[in-house]
């Protein structure tokens, strides 16, 4: 089997690069490194490449997964070393890889670290009170209607890692994947509604790990 599974990071320099640009960057680097990537046939051929869960704009990560099919095998260490030479430092970097015939693992949850810079003074009691709520409502829009959803049911862990007058760092584990995917920005937006001292100037989420379905 010539399917290569790569684990890579998306660093600060690539925080505001969208998924399609990440994909193009990946393919370009592989091509320049002379990795024999397999392409589809037809009028508009593209690399046989898939990602476990595309990362949203504004979020960095250290656990992204990509499957890429090759025409023939090369040593994994050689692919990683050569491809990383064509990836900008601080943006995208391949961390590890392996050949596999297993399907992409089903993602159930994801862990994030969220660094928030606040406009105004934060109150610890106010933040802790908001985090303890059993109901955190958001408006979810569909083509036909807007309805409220309690995302607290999809937040499995949330705690304060660090905090000072104007900065707040949270650790969260939330639902992720195709069934129900909670973005970290959505968690912060929902908390704003109940934490009166929370008024984010900037939000910098970082994906730490995936938790797979058993």
N, C-alpha and C. Protein backbone atom coordinates (compact mmCIF):
# COMPACT_ATOMS: atom_id res chain seq x y z
N UNK A 1 0.85 -1.20 0.00
CA UNK A 1 0.00 0.00 0.00
C UNK A 1 0.88 1.25 0.00
N UNK A 2 0.59 2.18 -0.90
CA UNK A 2 1.42 3.39 -1.02
C UNK A 2 0.76 4.61 -0.39
N UNK A 3 -0.11 4.39 0.58
CA UNK A 3 -0.73 5.51 1.28
C UNK A 3 0.14 5.91 2.46
N UNK A 4 0.56 7.17 2.44
CA UNK A 4 1.44 7.68 3.49
C UNK A 4 0.65 8.61 4.40
N UNK A 5 0.64 8.30 5.70
CA UNK A 5 -0.06 9.14 6.68
C UNK A 5 0.96 10.03 7.38
N UNK A 6 0.74 11.34 7.24
CA UNK A 6 1.67 12.32 7.82
C UNK A 6 1.00 13.07 8.96
N UNK A 7 1.77 13.34 9.99
CA UNK A 7 1.33 14.22 11.08
C UNK A 7 2.15 15.50 10.96
N UNK A 8 1.46 16.65 10.95
CA UNK A 8 2.18 17.90 10.76
C UNK A 8 1.64 18.99 11.67
N UNK A 9 2.42 20.04 11.81
CA UNK A 9 2.00 21.18 12.61
C UNK A 9 1.74 22.37 11.70
N UNK A 10 0.81 23.20 12.15
CA UNK A 10 0.54 24.48 11.49
C UNK A 10 0.91 25.56 12.50
N UNK A 11 1.99 26.27 12.19
CA UNK A 11 2.54 27.22 13.15
C UNK A 11 1.99 28.62 13.02
N UNK A 12 2.56 29.52 13.80
CA UNK A 12 2.08 30.90 13.90
C UNK A 12 2.11 31.62 12.56
N UNK A 13 3.13 31.35 11.75
CA UNK A 13 3.25 32.02 10.45
C UNK A 13 2.14 31.62 9.48
N UNK A 14 1.46 30.51 9.77
CA UNK A 14 0.38 30.03 8.91
C UNK A 14 -1.00 30.15 9.57
N UNK A 15 -1.07 30.86 10.70
CA UNK A 15 -2.32 30.93 11.47
C UNK A 15 -3.50 31.38 10.61
N UNK A 16 -3.29 32.37 9.75
CA UNK A 16 -4.41 32.93 8.98
C UNK A 16 -4.45 32.44 7.53
N UNK A 17 -3.81 31.30 7.29
CA UNK A 17 -3.88 30.66 5.98
C UNK A 17 -5.03 29.65 6.00
N UNK A 18 -5.89 29.70 5.00
CA UNK A 18 -7.03 28.80 4.93
C UNK A 18 -6.65 27.39 4.51
N UNK A 19 -7.60 26.46 4.62
CA UNK A 19 -7.34 25.05 4.36
C UNK A 19 -6.89 24.80 2.92
N UNK A 20 -7.51 25.44 1.95
CA UNK A 20 -7.13 25.22 0.55
C UNK A 20 -5.70 25.66 0.29
N UNK A 21 -5.30 26.75 0.91
CA UNK A 21 -3.92 27.21 0.75
C UNK A 21 -2.93 26.28 1.43
N UNK A 22 -3.34 25.71 2.57
CA UNK A 22 -2.50 24.72 3.24
C UNK A 22 -2.31 23.50 2.32
N UNK A 23 -3.39 23.07 1.70
CA UNK A 23 -3.33 21.92 0.79
C UNK A 23 -2.40 22.21 -0.40
N UNK A 24 -2.54 23.41 -0.97
CA UNK A 24 -1.68 23.78 -2.11
C UNK A 24 -0.21 23.86 -1.69
N UNK A 25 0.03 24.41 -0.51
CA UNK A 25 1.40 24.50 0.01
C UNK A 25 2.01 23.12 0.17
N UNK A 26 1.22 22.20 0.71
CA UNK A 26 1.67 20.83 0.92
C UNK A 26 2.06 20.18 -0.40
N UNK A 27 1.15 20.26 -1.37
CA UNK A 27 1.39 19.62 -2.67
C UNK A 27 2.60 20.23 -3.37
N UNK A 28 2.72 21.56 -3.30
CA UNK A 28 3.85 22.25 -3.93
C UNK A 28 5.18 21.79 -3.32
N UNK A 29 5.20 21.69 -1.99
CA UNK A 29 6.44 21.27 -1.31
C UNK A 29 6.80 19.82 -1.66
N UNK A 30 5.80 18.95 -1.71
CA UNK A 30 6.05 17.56 -2.06
C UNK A 30 6.58 17.43 -3.49
N UNK A 31 6.00 18.24 -4.38
CA UNK A 31 6.45 18.20 -5.78
C UNK A 31 7.89 18.68 -5.91
N UNK A 32 8.22 19.77 -5.20
CA UNK A 32 9.59 20.30 -5.27
C UNK A 32 10.60 19.35 -4.65
N UNK A 33 10.13 18.55 -3.68
CA UNK A 33 11.00 17.57 -3.04
C UNK A 33 11.10 16.28 -3.85
N UNK A 34 10.44 16.26 -5.04
CA UNK A 34 10.45 15.09 -5.93
C UNK A 34 9.84 13.85 -5.28
N UNK A 35 8.82 14.07 -4.46
CA UNK A 35 8.06 12.95 -3.89
C UNK A 35 7.06 12.51 -4.96
N UNK A 36 7.01 11.21 -5.30
CA UNK A 36 6.16 10.73 -6.39
C UNK A 36 4.67 10.66 -6.02
N UNK A 37 4.05 11.82 -5.92
CA UNK A 37 2.64 11.90 -5.53
C UNK A 37 1.75 11.38 -6.65
N UNK A 38 0.74 10.61 -6.30
CA UNK A 38 -0.22 10.12 -7.30
C UNK A 38 -1.29 11.17 -7.55
N UNK A 39 -1.66 11.35 -8.81
CA UNK A 39 -2.69 12.31 -9.19
C UNK A 39 -3.89 11.59 -9.80
N UNK A 40 -5.05 12.21 -9.67
CA UNK A 40 -6.25 11.67 -10.30
C UNK A 40 -6.13 11.83 -11.81
N UNK A 41 -6.95 11.08 -12.53
CA UNK A 41 -6.97 11.19 -13.98
C UNK A 41 -8.09 12.13 -14.42
N UNK A 42 -8.06 12.56 -15.67
CA UNK A 42 -9.11 13.44 -16.19
C UNK A 42 -8.57 14.79 -16.60
N UNK A 43 -9.50 15.72 -16.86
CA UNK A 43 -9.13 17.04 -17.35
C UNK A 43 -8.50 17.93 -16.28
N UNK A 44 -8.83 17.67 -15.02
CA UNK A 44 -8.34 18.51 -13.93
C UNK A 44 -7.71 17.63 -12.85
N UNK A 45 -6.56 17.06 -13.13
CA UNK A 45 -5.95 16.14 -12.16
C UNK A 45 -5.51 16.86 -10.89
N UNK A 46 -5.69 16.20 -9.76
CA UNK A 46 -5.22 16.76 -8.50
C UNK A 46 -4.63 15.64 -7.64
N UNK A 47 -3.80 16.02 -6.70
CA UNK A 47 -3.12 15.05 -5.84
C UNK A 47 -4.14 14.27 -5.01
N UNK A 48 -3.89 12.97 -4.86
CA UNK A 48 -4.75 12.13 -4.03
C UNK A 48 -4.34 12.37 -2.58
N UNK A 49 -5.01 13.34 -1.98
CA UNK A 49 -4.64 13.85 -0.66
C UNK A 49 -5.89 14.15 0.15
N UNK A 50 -5.91 13.74 1.40
CA UNK A 50 -7.06 14.02 2.27
C UNK A 50 -6.57 14.37 3.67
N UNK A 51 -7.37 15.18 4.37
CA UNK A 51 -7.04 15.63 5.72
C UNK A 51 -8.07 15.10 6.71
N UNK A 52 -7.63 14.82 7.93
CA UNK A 52 -8.52 14.25 8.94
C UNK A 52 -9.63 15.23 9.31
N UNK A 53 -9.28 16.45 9.65
CA UNK A 53 -10.26 17.47 10.02
C UNK A 53 -9.64 18.83 9.70
N UNK A 54 -10.02 19.42 8.57
CA UNK A 54 -9.42 20.71 8.16
C UNK A 54 -9.48 21.74 9.29
N UNK A 55 -8.38 22.45 9.45
CA UNK A 55 -8.25 23.42 10.53
C UNK A 55 -8.79 24.77 10.07
N UNK A 56 -9.56 25.42 10.93
CA UNK A 56 -10.14 26.71 10.61
C UNK A 56 -9.09 27.83 10.59
N UNK A 57 -9.38 28.88 9.86
CA UNK A 57 -8.50 30.04 9.82
C UNK A 57 -8.40 30.64 11.22
N UNK A 58 -7.18 31.01 11.62
CA UNK A 58 -6.98 31.62 12.93
C UNK A 58 -6.55 30.65 14.01
N UNK A 59 -6.45 29.36 13.66
CA UNK A 59 -6.08 28.34 14.63
C UNK A 59 -4.78 27.65 14.21
N UNK A 60 -3.86 27.46 15.15
CA UNK A 60 -2.65 26.70 14.90
C UNK A 60 -2.84 25.28 15.45
N UNK A 61 -1.87 24.42 15.16
CA UNK A 61 -2.03 23.03 15.59
C UNK A 61 -0.69 22.31 15.62
N UNK A 62 -0.65 21.23 16.39
CA UNK A 62 0.53 20.36 16.42
C UNK A 62 0.15 18.91 16.14
N UNK A 63 -1.06 18.68 15.62
CA UNK A 63 -1.54 17.29 15.50
C UNK A 63 -2.32 17.02 14.21
N UNK A 64 -2.10 17.81 13.17
CA UNK A 64 -2.86 17.62 11.93
C UNK A 64 -2.45 16.33 11.23
N UNK A 65 -3.41 15.72 10.56
CA UNK A 65 -3.18 14.44 9.89
C UNK A 65 -3.56 14.56 8.41
N UNK A 66 -2.67 14.09 7.55
CA UNK A 66 -2.95 14.08 6.11
C UNK A 66 -2.56 12.72 5.53
N UNK A 67 -3.43 12.18 4.68
CA UNK A 67 -3.12 10.95 3.95
C UNK A 67 -2.82 11.32 2.50
N UNK A 68 -1.70 10.82 1.98
CA UNK A 68 -1.35 11.10 0.60
C UNK A 68 -0.91 9.79 -0.06
N UNK A 69 -1.41 9.57 -1.28
CA UNK A 69 -1.09 8.35 -2.01
C UNK A 69 0.08 8.62 -2.96
N UNK A 70 1.07 7.72 -2.93
CA UNK A 70 2.26 7.86 -3.77
C UNK A 70 2.25 6.81 -4.89
N UNK A 71 2.95 7.13 -5.96
CA UNK A 71 3.08 6.18 -7.06
C UNK A 71 3.97 5.02 -6.64
N UNK A 72 4.98 5.30 -5.87
CA UNK A 72 5.86 4.26 -5.33
C UNK A 72 6.45 4.75 -4.02
N UNK A 73 6.87 3.81 -3.21
CA UNK A 73 7.34 4.13 -1.87
C UNK A 73 8.77 4.67 -1.88
N UNK A 74 8.97 5.65 -0.99
CA UNK A 74 10.30 6.13 -0.64
C UNK A 74 10.42 6.04 0.88
N UNK A 75 11.63 6.02 1.42
CA UNK A 75 11.76 6.03 2.88
C UNK A 75 11.06 7.23 3.50
N UNK A 76 10.30 6.97 4.56
CA UNK A 76 9.51 8.04 5.20
C UNK A 76 10.41 9.18 5.69
N UNK A 77 11.53 8.82 6.29
CA UNK A 77 12.44 9.85 6.82
C UNK A 77 12.96 10.76 5.71
N UNK A 78 13.19 10.18 4.54
CA UNK A 78 13.67 10.96 3.40
C UNK A 78 12.61 11.93 2.91
N UNK A 79 11.37 11.46 2.85
CA UNK A 79 10.26 12.32 2.43
C UNK A 79 10.10 13.50 3.37
N UNK A 80 10.12 13.21 4.67
CA UNK A 80 9.93 14.27 5.66
C UNK A 80 11.05 15.29 5.59
N UNK A 81 12.28 14.81 5.54
CA UNK A 81 13.44 15.72 5.53
C UNK A 81 13.43 16.61 4.29
N UNK A 82 13.22 16.02 3.13
CA UNK A 82 13.27 16.78 1.89
C UNK A 82 12.09 17.75 1.76
N UNK A 83 10.90 17.30 2.15
CA UNK A 83 9.71 18.15 2.01
C UNK A 83 9.78 19.35 2.95
N UNK A 84 10.26 19.13 4.17
CA UNK A 84 10.36 20.24 5.13
C UNK A 84 11.30 21.35 4.65
N UNK A 85 12.24 21.00 3.78
CA UNK A 85 13.15 22.01 3.24
C UNK A 85 12.40 23.05 2.41
N UNK A 86 11.24 22.65 1.86
CA UNK A 86 10.46 23.54 1.00
C UNK A 86 9.24 24.12 1.70
N UNK A 87 9.19 23.99 3.00
CA UNK A 87 8.11 24.57 3.80
C UNK A 87 8.68 25.69 4.66
N UNK A 88 8.00 26.82 4.67
CA UNK A 88 8.50 27.99 5.40
C UNK A 88 8.60 27.70 6.89
N UNK A 89 9.70 28.08 7.47
CA UNK A 89 9.91 27.87 8.91
C UNK A 89 8.84 28.62 9.71
N UNK A 90 8.25 27.94 10.67
CA UNK A 90 7.22 28.55 11.50
C UNK A 90 5.83 28.46 10.93
N UNK A 91 5.69 27.83 9.74
CA UNK A 91 4.36 27.72 9.14
C UNK A 91 3.88 26.27 9.21
N UNK A 92 4.25 25.48 8.23
CA UNK A 92 3.85 24.08 8.20
C UNK A 92 5.11 23.22 8.29
N UNK A 93 5.07 22.19 9.14
CA UNK A 93 6.21 21.30 9.30
C UNK A 93 5.72 19.88 9.53
N UNK A 94 6.24 18.94 8.74
CA UNK A 94 5.88 17.54 8.93
C UNK A 94 6.64 17.00 10.13
N UNK A 95 5.92 16.37 11.04
CA UNK A 95 6.52 15.87 12.28
C UNK A 95 6.85 14.38 12.21
N UNK A 96 5.96 13.60 11.60
CA UNK A 96 6.17 12.15 11.53
C UNK A 96 5.32 11.58 10.40
N UNK A 97 5.55 10.31 10.08
CA UNK A 97 4.77 9.68 9.03
C UNK A 97 4.92 8.17 9.06
N UNK A 98 3.97 7.50 8.40
CA UNK A 98 4.03 6.04 8.29
C UNK A 98 3.17 5.60 7.12
N UNK A 99 3.56 4.49 6.49
CA UNK A 99 2.72 3.89 5.46
C UNK A 99 1.65 3.07 6.16
N UNK A 100 0.42 3.12 5.63
CA UNK A 100 -0.68 2.42 6.27
C UNK A 100 -1.75 2.04 5.25
N UNK A 101 -2.46 0.96 5.54
CA UNK A 101 -3.62 0.61 4.73
C UNK A 101 -4.91 0.83 5.51
N UNK A 102 -4.79 1.43 6.70
CA UNK A 102 -5.96 1.68 7.54
C UNK A 102 -6.67 2.95 7.08
N UNK A 103 -8.01 2.98 7.21
CA UNK A 103 -8.74 4.20 6.87
C UNK A 103 -8.41 5.33 7.85
N UNK A 104 -8.70 6.53 7.44
CA UNK A 104 -8.49 7.68 8.33
C UNK A 104 -9.26 7.46 9.63
N UNK A 105 -8.63 7.63 10.80
CA UNK A 105 -9.33 7.41 12.06
C UNK A 105 -10.50 8.38 12.25
N UNK A 106 -11.54 7.90 12.91
CA UNK A 106 -12.73 8.72 13.15
C UNK A 106 -12.49 9.60 14.37
N UNK A 107 -12.53 10.90 14.17
CA UNK A 107 -12.29 11.85 15.26
C UNK A 107 -13.58 12.09 16.03
N UNK A 108 -13.47 12.02 17.35
CA UNK A 108 -14.63 12.21 18.22
C UNK A 108 -14.54 13.52 19.00
N UNK A 109 -13.31 13.86 19.43
CA UNK A 109 -13.10 15.07 20.24
C UNK A 109 -11.76 15.69 19.86
N UNK A 110 -11.59 16.94 20.26
CA UNK A 110 -10.30 17.61 20.06
C UNK A 110 -10.01 18.48 21.27
N UNK A 111 -8.72 18.58 21.58
CA UNK A 111 -8.29 19.42 22.70
C UNK A 111 -7.62 20.68 22.16
N UNK A 112 -7.98 21.82 22.74
CA UNK A 112 -7.43 23.10 22.32
C UNK A 112 -6.90 23.87 23.53
N UNK A 113 -5.89 24.67 23.29
CA UNK A 113 -5.46 25.71 24.23
C UNK A 113 -5.86 27.04 23.58
N UNK A 114 -6.61 27.85 24.30
CA UNK A 114 -7.10 29.11 23.76
C UNK A 114 -6.50 30.27 24.55
N UNK A 115 -5.74 31.11 23.89
CA UNK A 115 -5.11 32.27 24.51
C UNK A 115 -5.92 33.51 24.13
N UNK A 116 -6.46 34.17 25.13
CA UNK A 116 -7.35 35.31 24.91
C UNK A 116 -6.74 36.58 25.48
N UNK A 117 -6.66 37.60 24.65
CA UNK A 117 -6.26 38.93 25.10
C UNK A 117 -7.54 39.74 25.28
N UNK A 118 -7.73 40.30 26.46
CA UNK A 118 -9.00 40.93 26.80
C UNK A 118 -8.94 42.46 26.77
N UNK A 119 -10.04 43.06 26.43
CA UNK A 119 -10.20 44.52 26.50
C UNK A 119 -10.83 44.84 27.85
N UNK A 120 -10.03 45.26 28.80
CA UNK A 120 -10.54 45.53 30.15
C UNK A 120 -10.08 44.47 31.13
N UNK A 121 -10.36 44.70 32.39
CA UNK A 121 -9.92 43.80 33.45
C UNK A 121 -10.81 42.57 33.53
N UNK A 122 -10.18 41.42 33.73
CA UNK A 122 -10.89 40.17 33.89
C UNK A 122 -11.17 39.90 35.36
N UNK A 123 -12.29 39.27 35.63
CA UNK A 123 -12.64 38.86 36.98
C UNK A 123 -12.63 37.34 37.04
N UNK A 124 -11.79 36.78 37.92
CA UNK A 124 -11.70 35.32 38.02
C UNK A 124 -13.03 34.70 38.43
N UNK A 125 -13.70 35.30 39.39
CA UNK A 125 -14.98 34.74 39.84
C UNK A 125 -16.01 34.78 38.72
N UNK A 126 -15.98 35.84 37.94
CA UNK A 126 -16.89 35.97 36.81
C UNK A 126 -16.63 34.89 35.76
N UNK A 127 -15.35 34.67 35.44
CA UNK A 127 -14.99 33.65 34.46
C UNK A 127 -15.33 32.26 34.97
N UNK A 128 -14.99 31.98 36.22
CA UNK A 128 -15.27 30.66 36.79
C UNK A 128 -16.77 30.38 36.84
N UNK A 129 -17.56 31.40 37.12
CA UNK A 129 -19.01 31.24 37.13
C UNK A 129 -19.52 30.89 35.73
N UNK A 130 -18.98 31.55 34.71
CA UNK A 130 -19.39 31.27 33.33
C UNK A 130 -19.00 29.85 32.92
N UNK A 131 -17.82 29.40 33.35
CA UNK A 131 -17.35 28.06 32.98
C UNK A 131 -18.16 26.96 33.65
N UNK A 132 -18.79 27.28 34.78
CA UNK A 132 -19.54 26.27 35.53
C UNK A 132 -20.98 26.09 35.03
N UNK A 133 -21.40 26.91 34.10
CA UNK A 133 -22.77 26.84 33.61
C UNK A 133 -23.05 25.50 32.94
N UNK A 134 -24.23 24.96 33.21
CA UNK A 134 -24.66 23.71 32.58
C UNK A 134 -25.33 23.97 31.24
N UNK A 135 -25.59 25.23 30.96
CA UNK A 135 -26.24 25.59 29.70
C UNK A 135 -25.50 26.77 29.08
N UNK A 136 -24.93 26.54 27.91
CA UNK A 136 -24.25 27.60 27.16
C UNK A 136 -24.89 27.63 25.78
N UNK A 137 -25.75 28.58 25.55
CA UNK A 137 -26.57 28.60 24.34
C UNK A 137 -25.92 29.41 23.23
N UNK A 138 -26.03 28.89 22.02
CA UNK A 138 -25.61 29.63 20.83
C UNK A 138 -26.73 29.57 19.80
N UNK A 139 -26.72 30.53 18.89
CA UNK A 139 -27.68 30.51 17.78
C UNK A 139 -27.05 29.80 16.59
N UNK A 140 -27.70 28.74 16.14
CA UNK A 140 -27.21 27.99 14.98
C UNK A 140 -28.16 28.22 13.81
N UNK A 141 -27.60 28.77 12.73
CA UNK A 141 -28.41 29.09 11.56
C UNK A 141 -28.38 27.95 10.55
N UNK A 142 -29.55 27.62 10.03
CA UNK A 142 -29.67 26.69 8.91
C UNK A 142 -30.30 27.44 7.75
N UNK A 143 -30.53 26.76 6.66
CA UNK A 143 -31.12 27.43 5.49
C UNK A 143 -32.54 27.91 5.78
N UNK A 144 -33.22 27.22 6.67
CA UNK A 144 -34.63 27.52 6.90
C UNK A 144 -34.90 28.29 8.19
N UNK A 145 -34.04 28.10 9.20
CA UNK A 145 -34.34 28.71 10.49
C UNK A 145 -33.08 28.91 11.33
N UNK A 146 -33.27 29.63 12.43
CA UNK A 146 -32.23 29.79 13.42
C UNK A 146 -32.72 29.17 14.73
N UNK A 147 -31.93 28.29 15.31
CA UNK A 147 -32.36 27.67 16.56
C UNK A 147 -31.22 27.71 17.56
N UNK A 148 -31.57 27.63 18.83
CA UNK A 148 -30.57 27.66 19.89
C UNK A 148 -30.11 26.24 20.22
N UNK A 149 -28.81 26.13 20.42
CA UNK A 149 -28.20 24.84 20.78
C UNK A 149 -27.38 25.03 22.04
N UNK A 150 -27.50 24.06 22.95
CA UNK A 150 -26.72 24.09 24.17
C UNK A 150 -25.39 23.38 23.93
N UNK A 151 -24.31 24.17 23.70
CA UNK A 151 -23.02 23.56 23.39
C UNK A 151 -22.32 23.01 24.63
N UNK A 152 -22.87 23.31 25.82
CA UNK A 152 -22.28 22.76 27.05
C UNK A 152 -22.27 21.23 27.00
N UNK A 153 -23.22 20.65 26.28
CA UNK A 153 -23.29 19.20 26.13
C UNK A 153 -22.13 18.66 25.31
N UNK A 154 -21.48 19.54 24.56
CA UNK A 154 -20.38 19.13 23.70
C UNK A 154 -19.03 19.64 24.20
N UNK A 155 -19.01 20.18 25.41
CA UNK A 155 -17.76 20.60 26.05
C UNK A 155 -17.48 19.62 27.18
N UNK A 156 -16.45 18.81 27.03
CA UNK A 156 -16.18 17.73 27.97
C UNK A 156 -15.21 18.14 29.06
N UNK A 157 -14.44 19.18 28.77
CA UNK A 157 -13.55 19.73 29.79
C UNK A 157 -13.25 21.17 29.44
N UNK A 158 -13.26 22.03 30.43
CA UNK A 158 -12.87 23.42 30.22
C UNK A 158 -12.32 23.95 31.55
N UNK A 159 -11.12 24.49 31.51
CA UNK A 159 -10.53 24.99 32.74
C UNK A 159 -9.54 26.11 32.43
N UNK A 160 -9.28 26.91 33.45
CA UNK A 160 -8.33 28.02 33.34
C UNK A 160 -6.92 27.49 33.55
N UNK A 161 -6.05 27.71 32.58
CA UNK A 161 -4.64 27.33 32.73
C UNK A 161 -3.82 28.48 33.31
N UNK A 162 -4.16 29.71 32.89
CA UNK A 162 -3.42 30.87 33.33
C UNK A 162 -4.31 32.10 33.18
N UNK A 163 -4.05 33.09 34.01
CA UNK A 163 -4.90 34.28 33.96
C UNK A 163 -4.21 35.43 34.68
N UNK A 164 -4.28 36.62 34.05
CA UNK A 164 -3.87 37.83 34.74
C UNK A 164 -4.92 38.90 34.45
N UNK A 165 -4.60 40.17 34.63
CA UNK A 165 -5.62 41.21 34.50
C UNK A 165 -6.27 41.24 33.12
N UNK A 166 -5.46 41.02 32.06
CA UNK A 166 -5.97 41.20 30.69
C UNK A 166 -5.79 39.99 29.80
N UNK A 167 -5.31 38.89 30.35
CA UNK A 167 -5.11 37.69 29.54
C UNK A 167 -5.72 36.47 30.22
N UNK A 168 -6.23 35.59 29.38
CA UNK A 168 -6.86 34.36 29.88
C UNK A 168 -6.45 33.21 28.97
N UNK A 169 -5.97 32.13 29.57
CA UNK A 169 -5.62 30.93 28.80
C UNK A 169 -6.49 29.78 29.27
N UNK A 170 -7.23 29.18 28.34
CA UNK A 170 -8.15 28.10 28.65
C UNK A 170 -7.70 26.81 27.98
N UNK A 171 -8.00 25.70 28.64
CA UNK A 171 -7.86 24.39 28.02
C UNK A 171 -9.27 23.84 27.84
N UNK A 172 -9.60 23.39 26.62
CA UNK A 172 -10.94 22.84 26.38
C UNK A 172 -10.83 21.55 25.59
N UNK A 173 -11.73 20.63 25.87
CA UNK A 173 -11.91 19.43 25.06
C UNK A 173 -13.36 19.44 24.60
N UNK A 174 -13.55 19.43 23.30
CA UNK A 174 -14.88 19.60 22.72
C UNK A 174 -15.15 18.54 21.65
N UNK A 175 -16.43 18.43 21.29
CA UNK A 175 -16.80 17.54 20.18
C UNK A 175 -16.12 18.00 18.91
N UNK A 176 -15.65 17.05 18.11
CA UNK A 176 -15.00 17.38 16.84
C UNK A 176 -15.31 16.28 15.83
N UNK A 177 -15.16 16.60 14.58
CA UNK A 177 -15.42 15.61 13.53
C UNK A 177 -16.63 15.98 12.70
N UNK A 178 -17.10 15.01 11.92
CA UNK A 178 -18.18 15.27 10.98
C UNK A 178 -19.55 15.37 11.63
N UNK A 179 -19.74 14.68 12.76
CA UNK A 179 -21.06 14.68 13.40
C UNK A 179 -21.37 16.00 14.06
N UNK A 180 -20.48 16.49 14.89
CA UNK A 180 -20.66 17.78 15.58
C UNK A 180 -19.30 18.35 15.87
N UNK A 181 -19.00 19.47 15.26
CA UNK A 181 -17.67 20.06 15.39
C UNK A 181 -17.77 21.43 16.05
N UNK A 182 -17.18 21.55 17.25
CA UNK A 182 -17.20 22.82 17.99
C UNK A 182 -15.88 23.53 17.79
N UNK A 183 -15.90 24.69 17.18
CA UNK A 183 -14.68 25.48 17.02
C UNK A 183 -14.39 26.23 18.32
N UNK A 184 -13.11 26.40 18.67
CA UNK A 184 -12.77 27.08 19.93
C UNK A 184 -13.26 28.53 19.96
N UNK A 185 -13.30 29.19 18.80
CA UNK A 185 -13.82 30.56 18.75
C UNK A 185 -15.28 30.60 19.17
N UNK A 186 -16.02 29.54 18.86
CA UNK A 186 -17.43 29.47 19.24
C UNK A 186 -17.60 29.35 20.75
N UNK A 187 -16.70 28.61 21.39
CA UNK A 187 -16.73 28.47 22.85
C UNK A 187 -16.53 29.83 23.51
N UNK A 188 -15.56 30.59 23.03
CA UNK A 188 -15.28 31.92 23.59
C UNK A 188 -16.46 32.85 23.36
N UNK A 189 -17.02 32.81 22.16
CA UNK A 189 -18.17 33.66 21.84
C UNK A 189 -19.36 33.36 22.75
N UNK A 190 -19.57 32.08 23.04
CA UNK A 190 -20.66 31.70 23.94
C UNK A 190 -20.39 32.15 25.37
N UNK A 191 -19.14 32.03 25.82
CA UNK A 191 -18.79 32.44 27.18
C UNK A 191 -18.97 33.94 27.38
N UNK A 192 -18.75 34.71 26.33
CA UNK A 192 -18.91 36.16 26.41
C UNK A 192 -20.31 36.56 26.90
N UNK A 193 -21.29 35.74 26.56
CA UNK A 193 -22.67 36.08 26.88
C UNK A 193 -22.96 36.02 28.38
N UNK A 194 -22.16 35.21 29.11
CA UNK A 194 -22.41 35.07 30.55
C UNK A 194 -21.28 35.63 31.41
N UNK A 195 -20.07 35.73 30.84
CA UNK A 195 -18.95 36.32 31.58
C UNK A 195 -18.86 37.80 31.22
N UNK A 196 -19.32 38.66 32.11
CA UNK A 196 -19.45 40.08 31.80
C UNK A 196 -18.11 40.79 31.67
N UNK A 197 -17.07 40.24 32.28
CA UNK A 197 -15.75 40.87 32.20
C UNK A 197 -14.97 40.42 30.96
N UNK A 198 -15.52 39.44 30.23
CA UNK A 198 -14.84 38.90 29.06
C UNK A 198 -15.22 39.68 27.81
N UNK A 199 -14.23 40.38 27.26
CA UNK A 199 -14.44 41.18 26.05
C UNK A 199 -13.18 41.03 25.18
N UNK A 200 -13.08 39.91 24.43
CA UNK A 200 -11.82 39.58 23.74
C UNK A 200 -11.39 40.59 22.68
N UNK A 201 -10.13 40.99 22.76
CA UNK A 201 -9.52 41.77 21.68
C UNK A 201 -8.96 40.83 20.62
N UNK A 202 -8.43 39.69 21.06
CA UNK A 202 -7.91 38.68 20.14
C UNK A 202 -8.05 37.30 20.76
N UNK A 203 -8.22 36.30 19.89
CA UNK A 203 -8.34 34.91 20.32
C UNK A 203 -7.35 34.09 19.51
N UNK A 204 -6.48 33.36 20.19
CA UNK A 204 -5.46 32.56 19.50
C UNK A 204 -5.58 31.10 19.94
N UNK A 205 -6.38 30.30 19.23
CA UNK A 205 -6.54 28.89 19.60
C UNK A 205 -5.41 28.03 19.01
N UNK A 206 -5.09 26.95 19.71
CA UNK A 206 -4.07 26.01 19.27
C UNK A 206 -4.59 24.59 19.52
N UNK A 207 -4.64 23.79 18.45
CA UNK A 207 -5.13 22.42 18.59
C UNK A 207 -3.98 21.52 19.06
N UNK A 208 -4.22 20.82 20.17
CA UNK A 208 -3.18 20.01 20.81
C UNK A 208 -3.23 18.56 20.39
N UNK A 209 -4.44 18.00 20.34
CA UNK A 209 -4.56 16.59 20.01
C UNK A 209 -5.99 16.24 19.60
N UNK A 210 -6.11 15.11 18.90
CA UNK A 210 -7.40 14.52 18.57
C UNK A 210 -7.66 13.36 19.53
N UNK A 211 -8.92 13.13 19.81
CA UNK A 211 -9.34 11.93 20.54
C UNK A 211 -10.22 11.14 19.58
N UNK A 212 -9.82 9.89 19.30
CA UNK A 212 -10.49 9.11 18.26
C UNK A 212 -11.57 8.20 18.85
N UNK A 213 -12.56 7.90 18.03
CA UNK A 213 -13.61 6.97 18.43
C UNK A 213 -13.01 5.57 18.55
N UNK A 214 -13.50 4.82 19.50
CA UNK A 214 -12.98 3.46 19.70
C UNK A 214 -13.77 2.46 18.87
